[in-house]
């Protein structure tokens, strides 16, 4: 390895560890603040919600993502693999962002601006636009002659 490459790797490691330390400090400050400021009932509810979120993530979301990932890699997609992967990623992000509205957990009768739109229609519209773009991108890549090299 050259000296320049080692220098870059060293800076990357320092940045990585610095980022980890900052993340841990922020998490600890958040937990300590929650423990100090929240009433016991709210703290208990928060901990239940957090544990439930971790369980749903580990037992439902991650296996589903792994299955979809394995399925996509085994399909003979060729040059359209990148558009399909991008479309799946955009779909996942859109669904995560829309989930509170789709689940109805953000409803409040005294504040009509909390859910000013129909989230089902809006989410389906976003997904239609995403997959239309994926279709255009896939057709362009499929029709383009293969590059050499």
N, C-alpha and C. Protein backbone atom coordinates (compact mmCIF):
# COMPACT_ATOMS: atom_id res chain seq x y z
N UNK A 1 0.84 -1.18 0.00
CA UNK A 1 0.00 0.00 0.00
C UNK A 1 0.88 1.25 0.00
N UNK A 2 0.42 2.26 -0.68
CA UNK A 2 1.21 3.49 -0.70
C UNK A 2 0.91 4.33 0.52
N UNK A 3 1.80 5.29 0.75
CA UNK A 3 1.62 6.16 1.92
C UNK A 3 0.34 6.98 1.83
N UNK A 4 -0.01 7.45 0.60
CA UNK A 4 -1.22 8.25 0.43
C UNK A 4 -2.46 7.43 0.75
N UNK A 5 -2.48 6.18 0.28
CA UNK A 5 -3.65 5.33 0.54
C UNK A 5 -3.77 5.04 2.03
N UNK A 6 -2.64 4.81 2.69
CA UNK A 6 -2.69 4.57 4.14
C UNK A 6 -3.18 5.81 4.87
N UNK A 7 -2.76 6.98 4.40
CA UNK A 7 -3.20 8.23 5.03
C UNK A 7 -4.70 8.42 4.92
N UNK A 8 -5.25 8.12 3.73
CA UNK A 8 -6.70 8.24 3.56
C UNK A 8 -7.43 7.25 4.44
N UNK A 9 -6.92 6.02 4.50
CA UNK A 9 -7.56 5.00 5.34
C UNK A 9 -7.52 5.40 6.80
N UNK A 10 -6.42 5.98 7.23
CA UNK A 10 -6.31 6.44 8.62
C UNK A 10 -7.31 7.54 8.93
N UNK A 11 -7.47 8.48 7.99
CA UNK A 11 -8.45 9.56 8.19
C UNK A 11 -9.86 9.01 8.21
N UNK A 12 -10.13 8.02 7.36
CA UNK A 12 -11.46 7.41 7.35
C UNK A 12 -11.75 6.72 8.67
N UNK A 13 -10.76 6.02 9.21
CA UNK A 13 -10.97 5.34 10.49
C UNK A 13 -11.20 6.35 11.61
N UNK A 14 -10.44 7.43 11.60
CA UNK A 14 -10.63 8.46 12.63
C UNK A 14 -12.02 9.06 12.50
N UNK A 15 -12.44 9.36 11.28
CA UNK A 15 -13.78 9.91 11.06
C UNK A 15 -14.85 8.91 11.48
N UNK A 16 -14.65 7.65 11.17
CA UNK A 16 -15.61 6.62 11.56
C UNK A 16 -15.77 6.57 13.09
N UNK A 17 -14.64 6.51 13.79
CA UNK A 17 -14.70 6.42 15.25
C UNK A 17 -15.24 7.71 15.87
N UNK A 18 -14.90 8.85 15.29
CA UNK A 18 -15.43 10.12 15.78
C UNK A 18 -16.95 10.15 15.62
N UNK A 19 -17.44 9.67 14.47
CA UNK A 19 -18.88 9.62 14.23
C UNK A 19 -19.57 8.69 15.22
N UNK A 20 -18.96 7.56 15.51
CA UNK A 20 -19.53 6.61 16.47
C UNK A 20 -19.60 7.25 17.85
N UNK A 21 -18.52 7.91 18.26
CA UNK A 21 -18.48 8.55 19.58
C UNK A 21 -19.56 9.63 19.68
N UNK A 22 -19.67 10.47 18.64
CA UNK A 22 -20.69 11.52 18.66
C UNK A 22 -22.08 10.90 18.72
N UNK A 23 -22.33 9.84 17.95
CA UNK A 23 -23.63 9.18 17.98
C UNK A 23 -23.97 8.60 19.34
N UNK A 24 -23.00 7.98 19.98
CA UNK A 24 -23.24 7.41 21.31
C UNK A 24 -23.51 8.53 22.31
N UNK A 25 -22.76 9.62 22.25
CA UNK A 25 -22.98 10.74 23.17
C UNK A 25 -24.38 11.32 22.98
N UNK A 26 -24.79 11.52 21.73
CA UNK A 26 -26.13 12.05 21.46
C UNK A 26 -27.20 11.10 21.99
N UNK A 27 -27.02 9.80 21.79
CA UNK A 27 -27.99 8.82 22.29
C UNK A 27 -28.06 8.84 23.81
N UNK A 28 -26.91 8.90 24.47
CA UNK A 28 -26.88 8.92 25.94
C UNK A 28 -27.55 10.20 26.46
N UNK A 29 -27.26 11.33 25.84
CA UNK A 29 -27.90 12.58 26.26
C UNK A 29 -29.42 12.48 26.09
N UNK A 30 -29.87 11.89 24.99
CA UNK A 30 -31.30 11.73 24.77
C UNK A 30 -31.95 10.82 25.80
N UNK A 31 -31.32 9.70 26.11
CA UNK A 31 -31.89 8.77 27.09
C UNK A 31 -31.90 9.40 28.48
N UNK A 32 -30.79 10.04 28.86
CA UNK A 32 -30.73 10.68 30.18
C UNK A 32 -31.79 11.78 30.28
N UNK A 33 -31.94 12.57 29.22
CA UNK A 33 -32.97 13.62 29.23
C UNK A 33 -34.36 13.05 29.35
N UNK A 34 -34.63 11.94 28.64
CA UNK A 34 -35.95 11.32 28.72
C UNK A 34 -36.22 10.77 30.11
N UNK A 35 -35.23 10.13 30.71
CA UNK A 35 -35.40 9.56 32.05
C UNK A 35 -35.63 10.67 33.07
N UNK A 36 -34.93 11.78 32.93
CA UNK A 36 -35.08 12.88 33.90
C UNK A 36 -36.38 13.65 33.74
N UNK A 37 -36.82 13.86 32.49
CA UNK A 37 -37.91 14.79 32.23
C UNK A 37 -39.29 14.15 32.09
N UNK A 38 -39.34 12.91 31.62
CA UNK A 38 -40.64 12.30 31.36
C UNK A 38 -41.24 11.72 32.64
N UNK A 39 -42.54 11.86 32.80
CA UNK A 39 -43.21 11.18 33.91
C UNK A 39 -43.09 9.66 33.71
N UNK A 40 -43.25 8.93 34.79
CA UNK A 40 -43.06 7.48 34.75
C UNK A 40 -43.97 6.81 33.73
N UNK A 41 -45.25 7.23 33.64
CA UNK A 41 -46.17 6.62 32.68
C UNK A 41 -45.70 6.85 31.25
N UNK A 42 -45.27 8.09 30.96
CA UNK A 42 -44.81 8.40 29.61
C UNK A 42 -43.52 7.66 29.29
N UNK A 43 -42.63 7.55 30.27
CA UNK A 43 -41.38 6.83 30.05
C UNK A 43 -41.64 5.35 29.80
N UNK A 44 -42.57 4.77 30.54
CA UNK A 44 -42.93 3.37 30.34
C UNK A 44 -43.52 3.17 28.95
N UNK A 45 -44.39 4.06 28.53
CA UNK A 45 -44.98 3.98 27.20
C UNK A 45 -43.91 4.12 26.13
N UNK A 46 -42.97 5.03 26.33
CA UNK A 46 -41.88 5.26 25.38
C UNK A 46 -40.99 4.03 25.26
N UNK A 47 -40.68 3.40 26.38
CA UNK A 47 -39.83 2.20 26.36
C UNK A 47 -40.56 1.06 25.66
N UNK A 48 -41.87 0.89 25.93
CA UNK A 48 -42.64 -0.15 25.25
C UNK A 48 -42.66 0.08 23.74
N UNK A 49 -42.86 1.33 23.35
CA UNK A 49 -42.88 1.68 21.93
C UNK A 49 -41.52 1.39 21.30
N UNK A 50 -40.44 1.74 21.98
CA UNK A 50 -39.10 1.53 21.45
C UNK A 50 -38.79 0.04 21.32
N UNK A 51 -39.13 -0.75 22.33
CA UNK A 51 -38.90 -2.19 22.27
C UNK A 51 -39.76 -2.81 21.15
N UNK A 52 -41.00 -2.37 21.02
CA UNK A 52 -41.85 -2.86 19.94
C UNK A 52 -41.29 -2.51 18.57
N UNK A 53 -40.77 -1.30 18.45
CA UNK A 53 -40.17 -0.88 17.19
C UNK A 53 -38.97 -1.74 16.83
N UNK A 54 -38.13 -2.03 17.80
CA UNK A 54 -36.96 -2.88 17.57
C UNK A 54 -37.40 -4.29 17.17
N UNK A 55 -38.40 -4.83 17.86
CA UNK A 55 -38.88 -6.18 17.54
C UNK A 55 -39.50 -6.25 16.14
N UNK A 56 -40.32 -5.26 15.80
CA UNK A 56 -40.92 -5.24 14.46
C UNK A 56 -39.82 -5.13 13.41
N UNK A 57 -38.84 -4.28 13.66
CA UNK A 57 -37.74 -4.13 12.71
C UNK A 57 -36.99 -5.44 12.53
N UNK A 58 -36.63 -6.07 13.64
CA UNK A 58 -35.80 -7.28 13.57
C UNK A 58 -36.57 -8.52 13.11
N UNK A 59 -37.86 -8.61 13.45
CA UNK A 59 -38.61 -9.82 13.13
C UNK A 59 -39.45 -9.72 11.86
N UNK A 60 -39.72 -8.50 11.39
CA UNK A 60 -40.56 -8.34 10.21
C UNK A 60 -39.82 -7.62 9.08
N UNK A 61 -39.35 -6.42 9.36
CA UNK A 61 -38.78 -5.59 8.29
C UNK A 61 -37.49 -6.18 7.73
N UNK A 62 -36.55 -6.51 8.59
CA UNK A 62 -35.26 -7.01 8.10
C UNK A 62 -35.39 -8.32 7.33
N UNK A 63 -36.15 -9.31 7.82
CA UNK A 63 -36.31 -10.52 7.00
C UNK A 63 -36.99 -10.24 5.65
N UNK A 64 -37.97 -9.35 5.64
CA UNK A 64 -38.64 -9.01 4.39
C UNK A 64 -37.66 -8.35 3.42
N UNK A 65 -36.87 -7.41 3.91
CA UNK A 65 -35.87 -6.75 3.06
C UNK A 65 -34.85 -7.76 2.55
N UNK A 66 -34.42 -8.68 3.40
CA UNK A 66 -33.45 -9.70 2.99
C UNK A 66 -34.06 -10.61 1.90
N UNK A 67 -35.31 -11.01 2.07
CA UNK A 67 -35.95 -11.85 1.06
C UNK A 67 -36.08 -11.13 -0.28
N UNK A 68 -36.49 -9.88 -0.24
CA UNK A 68 -36.62 -9.10 -1.47
C UNK A 68 -35.24 -8.92 -2.11
N UNK A 69 -34.23 -8.63 -1.29
CA UNK A 69 -32.88 -8.46 -1.81
C UNK A 69 -32.36 -9.72 -2.47
N UNK A 70 -32.56 -10.86 -1.84
CA UNK A 70 -32.12 -12.13 -2.43
C UNK A 70 -32.92 -12.40 -3.71
N UNK A 71 -34.21 -12.13 -3.67
CA UNK A 71 -35.03 -12.35 -4.86
C UNK A 71 -34.58 -11.50 -6.04
N UNK A 72 -34.27 -10.23 -5.78
CA UNK A 72 -33.83 -9.34 -6.85
C UNK A 72 -32.49 -9.78 -7.41
N UNK A 73 -31.59 -10.23 -6.56
CA UNK A 73 -30.28 -10.64 -7.06
C UNK A 73 -30.37 -11.93 -7.87
N UNK A 74 -31.38 -12.75 -7.65
CA UNK A 74 -31.50 -14.02 -8.39
C UNK A 74 -32.27 -13.86 -9.69
N UNK A 75 -32.95 -12.75 -9.87
CA UNK A 75 -33.69 -12.54 -11.11
C UNK A 75 -32.72 -12.15 -12.22
N UNK A 76 -32.95 -12.61 -13.43
CA UNK A 76 -32.06 -12.24 -14.54
C UNK A 76 -32.42 -10.86 -15.09
N UNK A 77 -32.14 -9.83 -14.32
CA UNK A 77 -32.55 -8.48 -14.70
C UNK A 77 -31.54 -7.78 -15.62
N UNK A 78 -30.30 -8.21 -15.60
CA UNK A 78 -29.29 -7.61 -16.47
C UNK A 78 -29.15 -6.11 -16.26
N UNK A 79 -29.29 -5.37 -17.36
CA UNK A 79 -29.08 -3.91 -17.32
C UNK A 79 -30.19 -3.16 -16.60
N UNK A 80 -31.31 -3.78 -16.33
CA UNK A 80 -32.39 -3.07 -15.64
C UNK A 80 -32.39 -3.32 -14.13
N UNK A 81 -31.36 -4.02 -13.64
CA UNK A 81 -31.29 -4.29 -12.21
C UNK A 81 -31.20 -2.98 -11.40
N UNK A 82 -30.38 -2.05 -11.82
CA UNK A 82 -30.22 -0.79 -11.08
C UNK A 82 -31.53 -0.01 -10.97
N UNK A 83 -32.29 0.15 -12.06
CA UNK A 83 -33.58 0.84 -11.91
C UNK A 83 -34.54 0.12 -10.97
N UNK A 84 -34.58 -1.20 -11.03
CA UNK A 84 -35.48 -1.97 -10.14
C UNK A 84 -35.05 -1.79 -8.69
N UNK A 85 -33.75 -1.88 -8.42
CA UNK A 85 -33.26 -1.68 -7.05
C UNK A 85 -33.57 -0.27 -6.56
N UNK A 86 -33.38 0.73 -7.41
CA UNK A 86 -33.68 2.11 -7.03
C UNK A 86 -35.18 2.27 -6.75
N UNK A 87 -36.01 1.64 -7.58
CA UNK A 87 -37.45 1.71 -7.37
C UNK A 87 -37.88 1.06 -6.06
N UNK A 88 -37.26 -0.08 -5.73
CA UNK A 88 -37.57 -0.73 -4.46
C UNK A 88 -37.14 0.13 -3.28
N UNK A 89 -35.97 0.75 -3.40
CA UNK A 89 -35.50 1.62 -2.32
C UNK A 89 -36.42 2.83 -2.16
N UNK A 90 -36.79 3.48 -3.28
CA UNK A 90 -37.69 4.64 -3.21
C UNK A 90 -39.05 4.24 -2.65
N UNK A 91 -39.53 3.06 -3.00
CA UNK A 91 -40.80 2.56 -2.47
C UNK A 91 -40.72 2.38 -0.96
N UNK A 92 -39.62 1.79 -0.50
CA UNK A 92 -39.46 1.59 0.95
C UNK A 92 -39.42 2.92 1.68
N UNK A 93 -38.69 3.89 1.15
CA UNK A 93 -38.61 5.21 1.80
C UNK A 93 -39.98 5.87 1.82
N UNK A 94 -40.69 5.82 0.70
CA UNK A 94 -42.02 6.43 0.64
C UNK A 94 -42.98 5.80 1.65
N UNK A 95 -42.93 4.47 1.77
CA UNK A 95 -43.83 3.79 2.71
C UNK A 95 -43.47 4.09 4.16
N UNK A 96 -42.18 4.19 4.45
CA UNK A 96 -41.78 4.54 5.82
C UNK A 96 -42.25 5.95 6.16
N UNK A 97 -42.09 6.88 5.23
CA UNK A 97 -42.51 8.25 5.50
C UNK A 97 -44.03 8.39 5.58
N UNK A 98 -44.74 7.60 4.81
CA UNK A 98 -46.20 7.70 4.78
C UNK A 98 -46.88 6.87 5.86
N UNK A 99 -46.12 6.00 6.53
CA UNK A 99 -46.73 5.06 7.47
C UNK A 99 -47.61 5.71 8.54
N UNK A 100 -47.18 6.77 9.22
CA UNK A 100 -48.08 7.35 10.24
C UNK A 100 -49.41 7.80 9.65
N UNK A 101 -49.37 8.38 8.48
CA UNK A 101 -50.62 8.81 7.85
C UNK A 101 -51.47 7.64 7.39
N UNK A 102 -50.82 6.60 6.87
CA UNK A 102 -51.56 5.42 6.42
C UNK A 102 -52.15 4.65 7.59
N UNK A 103 -51.42 4.60 8.69
CA UNK A 103 -51.88 3.87 9.87
C UNK A 103 -52.94 4.64 10.65
N UNK A 104 -53.09 5.93 10.36
CA UNK A 104 -54.08 6.74 11.07
C UNK A 104 -53.65 7.15 12.46
N UNK A 105 -52.36 7.03 12.76
CA UNK A 105 -51.89 7.39 14.10
C UNK A 105 -51.68 8.88 14.27
N UNK A 106 -51.80 9.64 13.19
CA UNK A 106 -51.56 11.08 13.28
C UNK A 106 -52.86 11.87 13.29
N UNK A 107 -53.98 11.20 13.49
CA UNK A 107 -55.26 11.89 13.45
C UNK A 107 -55.53 12.64 14.76
N UNK A 108 -56.05 13.83 14.61
CA UNK A 108 -56.47 14.62 15.76
C UNK A 108 -57.65 15.47 15.32
N UNK A 109 -58.78 15.29 15.96
CA UNK A 109 -59.99 15.98 15.52
C UNK A 109 -59.93 17.48 15.78
N UNK A 110 -59.13 17.91 16.76
CA UNK A 110 -59.07 19.34 17.07
C UNK A 110 -58.07 20.09 16.20
N UNK A 111 -57.31 19.39 15.34
CA UNK A 111 -56.35 20.05 14.47
C UNK A 111 -56.43 19.41 13.08
N UNK A 112 -57.23 19.98 12.18
CA UNK A 112 -57.40 19.37 10.86
C UNK A 112 -56.16 19.45 9.97
N UNK A 113 -55.17 20.23 10.34
CA UNK A 113 -53.97 20.35 9.50
C UNK A 113 -52.98 19.21 9.73
N UNK A 114 -53.22 18.36 10.72
CA UNK A 114 -52.29 17.26 10.97
C UNK A 114 -52.30 16.28 9.81
N UNK A 115 -53.47 15.96 9.28
CA UNK A 115 -53.57 15.11 8.09
C UNK A 115 -54.38 15.84 7.04
N UNK A 116 -53.75 16.79 6.33
CA UNK A 116 -54.51 17.60 5.38
C UNK A 116 -54.79 16.90 4.06
N UNK A 117 -54.25 15.71 3.83
CA UNK A 117 -54.45 15.01 2.57
C UNK A 117 -54.89 13.58 2.83
N UNK A 118 -55.37 12.94 1.78
CA UNK A 118 -55.69 11.52 1.86
C UNK A 118 -54.40 10.75 1.60
N UNK A 119 -53.83 10.15 2.63
CA UNK A 119 -52.53 9.50 2.52
C UNK A 119 -52.55 8.28 1.61
N UNK A 120 -53.68 7.60 1.52
CA UNK A 120 -53.73 6.44 0.63
C UNK A 120 -53.55 6.87 -0.82
N UNK A 121 -54.31 7.88 -1.23
CA UNK A 121 -54.22 8.38 -2.60
C UNK A 121 -52.85 8.99 -2.86
N UNK A 122 -52.35 9.78 -1.91
CA UNK A 122 -51.05 10.41 -2.09
C UNK A 122 -49.93 9.39 -2.19
N UNK A 123 -49.98 8.36 -1.35
CA UNK A 123 -48.94 7.33 -1.39
C UNK A 123 -49.00 6.55 -2.69
N UNK A 124 -50.20 6.19 -3.13
CA UNK A 124 -50.33 5.48 -4.41
C UNK A 124 -49.84 6.35 -5.56
N UNK A 125 -50.09 7.65 -5.50
CA UNK A 125 -49.61 8.56 -6.54
C UNK A 125 -48.08 8.61 -6.56
N UNK A 126 -47.47 8.71 -5.39
CA UNK A 126 -46.01 8.72 -5.31
C UNK A 126 -45.44 7.42 -5.86
N UNK A 127 -46.02 6.30 -5.47
CA UNK A 127 -45.53 5.01 -5.95
C UNK A 127 -45.72 4.86 -7.46
N UNK A 128 -46.82 5.39 -8.00
CA UNK A 128 -47.03 5.34 -9.45
C UNK A 128 -45.97 6.17 -10.17
N UNK A 129 -45.65 7.34 -9.64
CA UNK A 129 -44.62 8.18 -10.25
C UNK A 129 -43.26 7.49 -10.17
N UNK A 130 -42.94 6.93 -9.01
CA UNK A 130 -41.66 6.23 -8.84
C UNK A 130 -41.53 5.11 -9.86
N UNK A 131 -42.55 4.25 -9.96
CA UNK A 131 -42.44 3.09 -10.84
C UNK A 131 -42.58 3.47 -12.31
N UNK A 132 -43.24 4.59 -12.62
CA UNK A 132 -43.23 5.08 -14.00
C UNK A 132 -41.81 5.53 -14.37
N UNK A 133 -41.14 6.22 -13.44
CA UNK A 133 -39.76 6.63 -13.68
C UNK A 133 -38.85 5.41 -13.81
N UNK A 134 -39.07 4.41 -12.98
CA UNK A 134 -38.29 3.17 -13.07
C UNK A 134 -38.51 2.54 -14.45
N UNK A 135 -39.74 2.52 -14.91
CA UNK A 135 -40.04 1.94 -16.22
C UNK A 135 -39.32 2.67 -17.34
N UNK A 136 -39.35 4.00 -17.30
CA UNK A 136 -38.65 4.79 -18.33
C UNK A 136 -37.15 4.52 -18.27
N UNK A 137 -36.60 4.56 -17.07
CA UNK A 137 -35.17 4.31 -16.89
C UNK A 137 -34.79 2.90 -17.38
N UNK A 138 -35.61 1.93 -17.07
CA UNK A 138 -35.33 0.55 -17.47
C UNK A 138 -35.38 0.41 -18.99
N UNK A 139 -36.36 1.03 -19.63
CA UNK A 139 -36.45 0.96 -21.09
C UNK A 139 -35.23 1.62 -21.74
N UNK A 140 -34.83 2.77 -21.22
CA UNK A 140 -33.65 3.45 -21.76
C UNK A 140 -32.41 2.57 -21.62
N UNK A 141 -32.23 1.98 -20.46
CA UNK A 141 -31.06 1.11 -20.25
C UNK A 141 -31.13 -0.16 -21.09
N UNK A 142 -32.32 -0.71 -21.25
CA UNK A 142 -32.48 -1.94 -22.01
C UNK A 142 -32.21 -1.72 -23.49
N UNK A 143 -32.63 -0.55 -24.01
CA UNK A 143 -32.46 -0.25 -25.43
C UNK A 143 -31.06 0.21 -25.76
N UNK A 144 -30.35 0.73 -24.78
CA UNK A 144 -28.99 1.22 -25.02
C UNK A 144 -28.07 0.03 -25.32
N UNK A 145 -27.19 0.17 -26.30
CA UNK A 145 -26.28 -0.93 -26.58
C UNK A 145 -25.33 -1.16 -25.41
N UNK A 146 -24.96 -2.40 -25.17
CA UNK A 146 -24.08 -2.68 -24.04
C UNK A 146 -22.71 -2.01 -24.22
N UNK A 147 -22.15 -1.53 -23.12
CA UNK A 147 -20.82 -0.91 -23.17
C UNK A 147 -19.77 -1.98 -23.03
N UNK A 148 -18.65 -1.74 -23.65
CA UNK A 148 -17.55 -2.68 -23.55
C UNK A 148 -16.60 -2.22 -22.47
N UNK A 149 -16.00 -3.15 -21.76
CA UNK A 149 -14.99 -2.79 -20.79
C UNK A 149 -15.34 -3.14 -19.46
